[in-house]
Amino acid sequence: MLNERAQQLLKVLIDRYERDGEPVGSRVLARDSGMNLSPATIRNVMSDLEEAGFVASPHTSAGRVPTVQGYRFFIDSLLQVQPLGSPQIESLRQELRLEVNTADLLTHASSLLSGLTCMAGVVTLPRPEQQALRHIEFLPLSANRVLVILVINEQEVQNRIIHTERDYSPAELQQAANFLTSLLAGKTIRQVRQQLIEEMRQTRENMNNMMIEAVDIAGQIFSPEEEAGQDSFVVAGETNLMQFRELCDVEHLRHLFEAFNQKRDLLHLLDQAMCAEGVQIFIGEESGYQVLDNCSIVTAPYTVESRAVGMLGVIGPTRMAYERVIPIVDATAKILGASLNPNN
C-alpha cells in the first residue's frame, strides 16, 4: 500500500507524463504537486516508488516515468473519471442513429471513437450467432451469377454475389427464395449453416429438384469460407498513433500496423474482453502481445437485447488520458447497442 503522499506524487507524475511524454523530475513534481516538500524529500519518495515497481528511470537522468504497475494502481485506485455531459451524450446519439446498414454504422462508430480521442478506434462486427436471418431475395445477373440480398436482424441488409452451375430464371429464383425464407427465417446464421446445410443434405430423398437446388445455393451463401472472408472488426485512425513519441519508431509502427491488418491477435484480445462486463483496460504488457507493449486498449461490449454481441474500444499509448477516454468508450458502447436494438 502507498501512503497518501506517495499516491499524490504518483498521480501528479502520471498527469504530467501524459501531457508531455517526457520523464518527470523532482523539481517539476515539487512545483506541480502543490505540496510543501523539498526536492530531496520527493526524490526519496520516487526512490521508494521505483523500488516498489510503480515508476522507472528510462535513462540516467533524474526523471521517471510510470510503469504498467504504476498505471494499474492509478486506474484502480486514484483515477477520477470525467463523465460525459448531456450535450456530449446527445451528440453521440445523433451520430449513431441507425440510418444505414449495420456495417456502415460500425465503421462510423470506429471513426467516431478515433476522432473523439485522437487515437485508433476499433469495433468488432456482431458475432454470427447473434445475427438472425429475416428474409432472402435472389436477383439474376449475367454469366451464371446471382445477387443475394439478406435481411439480418430486421435492420441490416447484406448483399453477396454467388456463382451458380446454371442460369436460373427470375421465377425459379423467386421460388427458391420463398422456400428458404419460410424455412430459415428467425434462425441465426450459425443455426442456418448447421441445421440447413448439415441436416437437410441428409434428407435429399424427400426433396424435389427445386428444394435441392435451393439448399445448394444456401450452402454457398452460408459456407464457413464465406463467413471467414468477412472482416471481423474495423479500425480507424491508425495513423493517429504516429503523433506519440513512444510509438513513432518506424519499425514499431510497421509491426503495429501488421497486427491491425492480420487482426487475429487483436480479435483474440477483444474476445477475452467479451467475457467481462463494462469497461476493460489492458495496459502495455497486460495484453499478452509484445507489439502492444507500449499501448493501452480501453474496451467495452455493446449489447443487443441484453446480450453482448460485439466489442469496441480505443487503442493508444499507455500515457493516454484515461479519465477522458473511459467515459467516451463506455457511452459509445451503450449508445451503439441501443441503435442496433430492433426493439428501439
Foldseek 3Di string as FASTA:
>chain_A
DDDPVLLLLLVQQLVVCLVPVDFDALVNSCVRSPDPDDSVVSLVSVVVCVVVQQWDDPDDDRGIHGDLVVLVCCVVPPDDADADDPVVLVVLLVQQAQPAAPVVSQQSLQQVLCVVFLFKKKKFDFDQQPKFWAFWAWDDDPDQKIWIWTDTLPRHIDIDIDHDPDGDDNVLRVVLRVVCNVVRGGGGLVCCQCCLQPVVVVVCVPDDPSPVRSSVVSCVVSPPVNVVPDDRMDMPNNVSQCVNPVQVDPVLSVVVVVCVVVVPLVVVLQVVVLVDAAKDKQAACSSVDPSCNQKMKIKHFAAEPPHGGIMMIGIYGNSGPCSHRRNVRRSSSDSNNVSSHPVD
